[in-house]
Amino acid sequence: MNILVDEAISATHQGGLVTIRFRSGHELSFPTEGNPRLAGASDTALDTIELSPFGIHWPALDEDLSFEGIMRGDYGQKKG
């Protein structure tokens, strides 16, 4: 099944790892350390994740990541 047409049903953060679960049973995980906004954030900010049809959003951090980007290994902001 193409994960991009699957519906995300939950996203959680634990121990520096974000895990997204899809209705099909697939899971997608990535480390917060790949994104400076996420790596430096508090657990409280990281634990509040909103889902959209195309990605995830952390309201307290003003950070958005697309499922497609995460699957490519693109975790957002780069240290510059």
PDB file of N, CA and C in Angstrom:
ATOM      1  N   MET A   1       0.841  -1.184   0.000  1.00  0.00           N
ATOM      2  CA  MET A   1       0.000   0.000   0.000  1.00  0.00           C
ATOM      3  C   MET A   1       0.883   1.244   0.000  1.00  0.00           C
ATOM      4  N   ASN A   2       0.492   2.231  -0.741  1.00  0.00           N
ATOM      5  CA  ASN A   2       1.216   3.499  -0.786  1.00  0.00           C
ATOM      6  C   ASN A   2       0.909   4.287   0.476  1.00  0.00           C
ATOM      7  N   ILE A   3       1.933   4.545   1.272  1.00  0.00           N
ATOM      8  CA  ILE A   3       1.732   5.234   2.549  1.00  0.00           C
ATOM      9  C   ILE A   3       1.176   6.650   2.341  1.00  0.00           C
ATOM     10  N   LEU A   4       1.421   7.241   1.163  1.00  0.00           N
ATOM     11  CA  LEU A   4       0.954   8.597   0.923  1.00  0.00           C
ATOM     12  C   LEU A   4      -0.555   8.682   0.734  1.00  0.00           C
ATOM     13  N   VAL A   5      -1.215   7.563   0.485  1.00  0.00           N
ATOM     14  CA  VAL A   5      -2.674   7.586   0.381  1.00  0.00           C
ATOM     15  C   VAL A   5      -3.315   6.960   1.619  1.00  0.00           C
ATOM     16  N   ASP A   6      -2.503   6.578   2.574  1.00  0.00           N
ATOM     17  CA  ASP A   6      -2.974   6.008   3.826  1.00  0.00           C
ATOM     18  C   ASP A   6      -3.278   7.142   4.798  1.00  0.00           C
ATOM     19  N   GLU A   7      -4.171   6.911   5.736  1.00  0.00           N
ATOM     20  CA  GLU A   7      -4.550   7.936   6.708  1.00  0.00           C
ATOM     21  C   GLU A   7      -3.747   7.780   7.996  1.00  0.00           C
ATOM     22  N   ALA A   8      -3.073   8.850   8.402  1.00  0.00           N
ATOM     23  CA  ALA A   8      -2.364   8.842   9.680  1.00  0.00           C
ATOM     24  C   ALA A   8      -3.396   8.900  10.793  1.00  0.00           C
ATOM     25  N   ILE A   9      -3.224   8.036  11.800  1.00  0.00           N
ATOM     26  CA  ILE A   9      -4.186   8.003  12.899  1.00  0.00           C
ATOM     27  C   ILE A   9      -3.579   8.468  14.217  1.00  0.00           C
ATOM     28  N   SER A  10      -2.240   8.467  14.322  1.00  0.00           N
ATOM     29  CA  SER A  10      -1.611   8.972  15.537  1.00  0.00           C
ATOM     30  C   SER A  10      -0.158   9.318  15.271  1.00  0.00           C
ATOM     31  N   ALA A  11       0.345  10.210  16.096  1.00  0.00           N
ATOM     32  CA  ALA A  11       1.764  10.562  16.076  1.00  0.00           C
ATOM     33  C   ALA A  11       2.188  10.786  17.511  1.00  0.00           C
ATOM     34  N   THR A  12       3.273  10.154  17.905  1.00  0.00           N
ATOM     35  CA  THR A  12       3.748  10.254  19.277  1.00  0.00           C
ATOM     36  C   THR A  12       5.236  10.542  19.304  1.00  0.00           C
ATOM     37  N   HIS A  13       5.668  11.105  20.407  1.00  0.00           N
ATOM     38  CA  HIS A  13       7.092  11.355  20.639  1.00  0.00           C
ATOM     39  C   HIS A  13       7.492  10.632  21.919  1.00  0.00           C
ATOM     40  N   GLN A  14       8.612   9.928  21.845  1.00  0.00           N
ATOM     41  CA  GLN A  14       9.140   9.288  23.041  1.00  0.00           C
ATOM     42  C   GLN A  14      10.636   9.085  22.866  1.00  0.00           C
ATOM     43  N   GLY A  15      11.397   9.595  23.819  1.00  0.00           N
ATOM     44  CA  GLY A  15      12.834   9.375  23.833  1.00  0.00           C
ATOM     45  C   GLY A  15      13.565   9.846  22.592  1.00  0.00           C
ATOM     46  N   GLY A  16      13.149  10.979  22.037  1.00  0.00           N
ATOM     47  CA  GLY A  16      13.818  11.516  20.858  1.00  0.00           C
ATOM     48  C   GLY A  16      13.417  10.871  19.545  1.00  0.00           C
ATOM     49  N   LEU A  17      12.360  10.087  19.558  1.00  0.00           N
ATOM     50  CA  LEU A  17      11.874   9.426  18.351  1.00  0.00           C
ATOM     51  C   LEU A  17      10.398   9.762  18.148  1.00  0.00           C
ATOM     52  N   VAL A  18      10.052  10.197  16.946  1.00  0.00           N
ATOM     53  CA  VAL A  18       8.656  10.464  16.590  1.00  0.00           C
ATOM     54  C   VAL A  18       8.164   9.275  15.774  1.00  0.00           C
ATOM     55  N   THR A  19       7.015   8.736  16.158  1.00  0.00           N
ATOM     56  CA  THR A  19       6.426   7.602  15.450  1.00  0.00           C
ATOM     57  C   THR A  19       5.027   7.974  14.984  1.00  0.00           C
ATOM     58  N   ILE A  20       4.788   7.751  13.704  1.00  0.00           N
ATOM     59  CA  ILE A  20       3.487   8.027  13.090  1.00  0.00           C
ATOM     60  C   ILE A  20       2.868   6.681  12.732  1.00  0.00           C
ATOM     61  N   ARG A  21       1.625   6.482  13.130  1.00  0.00           N
ATOM     62  CA  ARG A  21       0.916   5.247  12.818  1.00  0.00           C
ATOM     63  C   ARG A  21      -0.190   5.543  11.808  1.00  0.00           C
ATOM     64  N   PHE A  22      -0.344   4.622  10.863  1.00  0.00           N
ATOM     65  CA  PHE A  22      -1.330   4.775   9.798  1.00  0.00           C
ATOM     66  C   PHE A  22      -2.413   3.720   9.925  1.00  0.00           C
ATOM     67  N   ARG A  23      -3.566   4.043   9.387  1.00  0.00           N
ATOM     68  CA  ARG A  23      -4.723   3.147   9.474  1.00  0.00           C
ATOM     69  C   ARG A  23      -4.390   1.744   8.963  1.00  0.00           C
ATOM     70  N   SER A  24      -3.535   1.629   7.969  1.00  0.00           N
ATOM     71  CA  SER A  24      -3.173   0.330   7.395  1.00  0.00           C
ATOM     72  C   SER A  24      -2.328  -0.521   8.333  1.00  0.00           C
ATOM     73  N   GLY A  25      -1.813   0.083   9.416  1.00  0.00           N
ATOM     74  CA  GLY A  25      -0.921  -0.632  10.317  1.00  0.00           C
ATOM     75  C   GLY A  25       0.541  -0.260  10.114  1.00  0.00           C
ATOM     76  N   HIS A  26       0.855   0.447   9.035  1.00  0.00           N
ATOM     77  CA  HIS A  26       2.223   0.903   8.808  1.00  0.00           C
ATOM     78  C   HIS A  26       2.624   1.908   9.876  1.00  0.00           C
ATOM     79  N   GLU A  27       3.914   1.954  10.165  1.00  0.00           N
ATOM     80  CA  GLU A  27       4.474   2.955  11.065  1.00  0.00           C
ATOM     81  C   GLU A  27       5.669   3.608  10.390  1.00  0.00           C
ATOM     82  N   LEU A  28       5.862   4.869  10.704  1.00  0.00           N
ATOM     83  CA  LEU A  28       6.969   5.648  10.171  1.00  0.00           C
ATOM     84  C   LEU A  28       7.602   6.363  11.355  1.00  0.00           C
ATOM     85  N   SER A  29       8.903   6.157  11.579  1.00  0.00           N
ATOM     86  CA  SER A  29       9.585   6.776  12.713  1.00  0.00           C
ATOM     87  C   SER A  29      10.814   7.532  12.245  1.00  0.00           C
ATOM     88  N   PHE A  30      11.162   8.582  12.993  1.00  0.00           N
ATOM     89  CA  PHE A  30      12.379   9.334  12.699  1.00  0.00           C
ATOM     90  C   PHE A  30      12.879  10.013  13.971  1.00  0.00           C
ATOM     91  N   PRO A  31      14.186  10.282  14.036  1.00  0.00           N
ATOM     92  CA  PRO A  31      14.767  10.917  15.222  1.00  0.00           C
ATOM     93  C   PRO A  31      14.570  12.429  15.203  1.00  0.00           C
ATOM     94  N   THR A  32      14.305  13.008  16.364  1.00  0.00           N
ATOM     95  CA  THR A  32      14.164  14.462  16.444  1.00  0.00           C
ATOM     96  C   THR A  32      15.505  15.161  16.216  1.00  0.00           C
ATOM     97  N   GLU A  33      16.608  14.482  16.438  1.00  0.00           N
ATOM     98  CA  GLU A  33      17.924  15.114  16.299  1.00  0.00           C
ATOM     99  C   GLU A  33      18.226  15.556  14.871  1.00  0.00           C
ATOM    100  N   GLY A  34      17.460  15.087  13.894  1.00  0.00           N
ATOM    101  CA  GLY A  34      17.669  15.503  12.510  1.00  0.00           C
ATOM    102  C   GLY A  34      17.111  16.877  12.193  1.00  0.00           C
ATOM    103  N   ASN A  35      16.462  17.522  13.159  1.00  0.00           N
ATOM    104  CA  ASN A  35      15.842  18.818  12.948  1.00  0.00           C
ATOM    105  C   ASN A  35      16.171  19.712  14.146  1.00  0.00           C
ATOM    106  N   PRO A  36      16.884  20.840  13.944  1.00  0.00           N
ATOM    107  CA  PRO A  36      17.280  21.692  15.071  1.00  0.00           C
ATOM    108  C   PRO A  36      16.126  22.193  15.939  1.00  0.00           C
ATOM    109  N   ARG A  37      14.981  22.496  15.349  1.00  0.00           N
ATOM    110  CA  ARG A  37      13.836  22.954  16.155  1.00  0.00           C
ATOM    111  C   ARG A  37      13.328  21.839  17.061  1.00  0.00           C
ATOM    112  N   LEU A  38      13.318  20.639  16.547  1.00  0.00           N
ATOM    113  CA  LEU A  38      12.836  19.516  17.341  1.00  0.00           C
ATOM    114  C   LEU A  38      13.883  19.064  18.354  1.00  0.00           C
ATOM    115  N   ALA A  39      15.139  19.016  17.942  1.00  0.00           N
ATOM    116  CA  ALA A  39      16.216  18.529  18.816  1.00  0.00           C
ATOM    117  C   ALA A  39      16.362  19.384  20.064  1.00  0.00           C
ATOM    118  N   GLY A  40      16.117  20.676  19.948  1.00  0.00           N
ATOM    119  CA  GLY A  40      16.273  21.567  21.085  1.00  0.00           C
ATOM    120  C   GLY A  40      15.006  21.819  21.867  1.00  0.00           C
ATOM    121  N   ALA A  41      13.939  21.137  21.509  1.00  0.00           N
ATOM    122  CA  ALA A  41      12.632  21.408  22.124  1.00  0.00           C
ATOM    123  C   ALA A  41      12.399  20.568  23.374  1.00  0.00           C
ATOM    124  N   SER A  42      11.504  21.067  24.219  1.00  0.00           N
ATOM    125  CA  SER A  42      11.120  20.342  25.432  1.00  0.00           C
ATOM    126  C   SER A  42      10.218  19.158  25.071  1.00  0.00           C
ATOM    127  N   ASP A  43      10.173  18.180  25.961  1.00  0.00           N
ATOM    128  CA  ASP A  43       9.266  17.052  25.751  1.00  0.00           C
ATOM    129  C   ASP A  43       7.821  17.516  25.655  1.00  0.00           C
ATOM    130  N   THR A  44       7.456  18.523  26.437  1.00  0.00           N
ATOM    131  CA  THR A  44       6.088  19.040  26.406  1.00  0.00           C
ATOM    132  C   THR A  44       5.741  19.554  25.012  1.00  0.00           C
ATOM    133  N   ALA A  45       6.635  20.321  24.399  1.00  0.00           N
ATOM    134  CA  ALA A  45       6.389  20.845  23.050  1.00  0.00           C
ATOM    135  C   ALA A  45       6.373  19.719  22.023  1.00  0.00           C
ATOM    136  N   LEU A  46       7.257  18.747  22.173  1.00  0.00           N
ATOM    137  CA  LEU A  46       7.338  17.634  21.215  1.00  0.00           C
ATOM    138  C   LEU A  46       6.148  16.686  21.323  1.00  0.00           C
ATOM    139  N   ASP A  47       5.561  16.605  22.499  1.00  0.00           N
ATOM    140  CA  ASP A  47       4.450  15.674  22.711  1.00  0.00           C
ATOM    141  C   ASP A  47       3.132  16.157  22.103  1.00  0.00           C
ATOM    142  N   THR A  48       3.054  17.431  21.738  1.00  0.00           N
ATOM    143  CA  THR A  48       1.829  17.976  21.145  1.00  0.00           C
ATOM    144  C   THR A  48       1.997  18.031  19.634  1.00  0.00           C
ATOM    145  N   ILE A  49       1.514  16.983  18.976  1.00  0.00           N
ATOM    146  CA  ILE A  49       1.653  16.840  17.522  1.00  0.00           C
ATOM    147  C   ILE A  49       0.261  16.808  16.904  1.00  0.00           C
ATOM    148  N   GLU A  50       0.060  17.627  15.890  1.00  0.00           N
ATOM    149  CA  GLU A  50      -1.205  17.624  15.146  1.00  0.00           C
ATOM    150  C   GLU A  50      -1.000  16.905  13.820  1.00  0.00           C
ATOM    151  N   LEU A  51      -2.023  16.167  13.394  1.00  0.00           N
ATOM    152  CA  LEU A  51      -1.992  15.447  12.122  1.00  0.00           C
ATOM    153  C   LEU A  51      -2.731  16.217  11.055  1.00  0.00           C
ATOM    154  N   SER A  52      -2.252  16.110   9.825  1.00  0.00           N
ATOM    155  CA  SER A  52      -2.985  16.603   8.667  1.00  0.00           C
ATOM    156  C   SER A  52      -2.973  15.474   7.634  1.00  0.00           C
ATOM    157  N   PRO A  53      -3.704  15.615   6.554  1.00  0.00           N
ATOM    158  CA  PRO A  53      -3.665  14.555   5.536  1.00  0.00           C
ATOM    159  C   PRO A  53      -2.278  14.358   4.914  1.00  0.00           C
ATOM    160  N   PHE A  54      -1.411  15.374   5.017  1.00  0.00           N
ATOM    161  CA  PHE A  54      -0.127  15.308   4.321  1.00  0.00           C
ATOM    162  C   PHE A  54       1.086  15.321   5.233  1.00  0.00           C
ATOM    163  N   GLY A  55       0.890  15.519   6.549  1.00  0.00           N
ATOM    164  CA  GLY A  55       2.044  15.590   7.422  1.00  0.00           C
ATOM    165  C   GLY A  55       1.676  15.832   8.865  1.00  0.00           C
ATOM    166  N   ILE A  56       2.668  16.319   9.625  1.00  0.00           N
ATOM    167  CA  ILE A  56       2.485  16.579  11.044  1.00  0.00           C
ATOM    168  C   ILE A  56       2.944  17.992  11.379  1.00  0.00           C
ATOM    169  N   HIS A  57       2.397  18.508  12.486  1.00  0.00           N
ATOM    170  CA  HIS A  57       2.652  19.892  12.883  1.00  0.00           C
ATOM    171  C   HIS A  57       2.809  19.961  14.398  1.00  0.00           C
ATOM    172  N   TRP A  58       3.815  20.725  14.851  1.00  0.00           N
ATOM    173  CA  TRP A  58       4.009  21.018  16.267  1.00  0.00           C
ATOM    174  C   TRP A  58       3.632  22.474  16.484  1.00  0.00           C
ATOM    175  N   PRO A  59       2.454  22.762  17.052  1.00  0.00           N
ATOM    176  CA  PRO A  59       2.002  24.144  17.205  1.00  0.00           C
ATOM    177  C   PRO A  59       2.941  25.004  18.058  1.00  0.00           C
ATOM    178  N   ALA A  60       3.470  24.458  19.125  1.00  0.00           N
ATOM    179  CA  ALA A  60       4.335  25.245  20.009  1.00  0.00           C
ATOM    180  C   ALA A  60       5.673  25.589  19.358  1.00  0.00           C
ATOM    181  N   LEU A  61       6.052  24.818  18.339  1.00  0.00           N
ATOM    182  CA  LEU A  61       7.348  25.015  17.675  1.00  0.00           C
ATOM    183  C   LEU A  61       7.216  25.642  16.299  1.00  0.00           C
ATOM    184  N   ASP A  62       5.980  25.802  15.818  1.00  0.00           N
ATOM    185  CA  ASP A  62       5.713  26.289  14.468  1.00  0.00           C
ATOM    186  C   ASP A  62       6.521  25.494  13.440  1.00  0.00           C
ATOM    187  N   GLU A  63       6.461  24.182  13.572  1.00  0.00           N
ATOM    188  CA  GLU A  63       7.213  23.294  12.684  1.00  0.00           C
ATOM    189  C   GLU A  63       6.268  22.308  12.024  1.00  0.00           C
ATOM    190  N   ASP A  64       6.441  22.129  10.719  1.00  0.00           N
ATOM    191  CA  ASP A  64       5.643  21.204   9.925  1.00  0.00           C
ATOM    192  C   ASP A  64       6.570  20.278   9.157  1.00  0.00           C
ATOM    193  N   LEU A  65       6.216  19.013   9.075  1.00  0.00           N
ATOM    194  CA  LEU A  65       6.949  18.053   8.253  1.00  0.00           C
ATOM    195  C   LEU A  65       5.942  17.254   7.438  1.00  0.00           C
ATOM    196  N   SER A  66       6.257  17.037   6.183  1.00  0.00           N
ATOM    197  CA  SER A  66       5.375  16.234   5.327  1.00  0.00           C
ATOM    198  C   SER A  66       5.759  14.766   5.436  1.00  0.00           C
ATOM    199  N   PHE A  67       4.776  13.886   5.262  1.00  0.00           N
ATOM    200  CA  PHE A  67       5.058  12.456   5.269  1.00  0.00           C
ATOM    201  C   PHE A  67       6.023  12.112   4.144  1.00  0.00           C
ATOM    202  N   GLU A  68       5.824  12.717   2.996  1.00  0.00           N
ATOM    203  CA  GLU A  68       6.697  12.458   1.847  1.00  0.00           C
ATOM    204  C   GLU A  68       8.148  12.835   2.174  1.00  0.00           C
ATOM    205  N   GLY A  69       8.348  13.998   2.781  1.00  0.00           N
ATOM    206  CA  GLY A  69       9.698  14.426   3.152  1.00  0.00           C
ATOM    207  C   GLY A  69      10.320  13.496   4.177  1.00  0.00           C
ATOM    208  N   ILE A  70       9.555  13.103   5.179  1.00  0.00           N
ATOM    209  CA  ILE A  70      10.071  12.198   6.205  1.00  0.00           C
ATOM    210  C   ILE A  70      10.519  10.888   5.571  1.00  0.00           C
ATOM    211  N   MET A  71       9.737  10.371   4.631  1.00  0.00           N
ATOM    212  CA  MET A  71      10.100   9.118   3.966  1.00  0.00           C
ATOM    213  C   MET A  71      11.386   9.263   3.156  1.00  0.00           C
ATOM    214  N   ARG A  72      11.685  10.467   2.694  1.00  0.00           N
ATOM    215  CA  ARG A  72      12.937  10.725   1.957  1.00  0.00           C
ATOM    216  C   ARG A  72      14.111  10.960   2.909  1.00  0.00           C
ATOM    217  N   GLY A  73      13.841  11.022   4.210  1.00  0.00           N
ATOM    218  CA  GLY A  73      14.889  11.318   5.172  1.00  0.00           C
ATOM    219  C   GLY A  73      15.101  12.795   5.394  1.00  0.00           C
ATOM    220  N   ASP A  74      14.150  13.614   4.944  1.00  0.00           N
ATOM    221  CA  ASP A  74      14.206  15.068   5.126  1.00  0.00           C
ATOM    222  C   ASP A  74      13.372  15.420   6.346  1.00  0.00           C
ATOM    223  N   TYR A  75      14.053  15.738   7.444  1.00  0.00           N
ATOM    224  CA  TYR A  75      13.370  16.012   8.701  1.00  0.00           C
ATOM    225  C   TYR A  75      13.218  17.498   8.953  1.00  0.00           C
ATOM    226  N   GLY A  76      13.265  18.318   7.907  1.00  0.00           N
ATOM    227  CA  GLY A  76      12.998  19.740   8.047  1.00  0.00           C
ATOM    228  C   GLY A  76      14.250  20.593   8.119  1.00  0.00           C
ATOM    229  N   GLN A  77      14.202  21.593   8.977  1.00  0.00           N
ATOM    230  CA  GLN A  77      15.254  22.595   9.105  1.00  0.00           C
ATOM    231  C   GLN A  77      16.639  21.968   9.219  1.00  0.00           C
ATOM    232  N   LYS A  78      17.565  22.563   8.542  1.00  0.00           N
ATOM    233  CA  LYS A  78      18.958  22.127   8.636  1.00  0.00           C
ATOM    234  C   LYS A  78      19.750  23.126   9.451  1.00  0.00           C
ATOM    235  N   LYS A  79      20.706  22.635  10.194  1.00  0.00           N
ATOM    236  CA  LYS A  79      21.595  23.548  10.925  1.00  0.00           C
ATOM    237  C   LYS A  79      22.411  24.310   9.897  1.00  0.00           C
ATOM    238  N   GLY A  80      22.495  25.612  10.098  1.00  0.00           N
ATOM    239  CA  GLY A  80      23.190  26.414   9.103  1.00  0.00           C
ATOM    240  C   GLY A  80      24.104  27.299   9.767  1.00  0.00           C
TER     241      GLY A  80
END
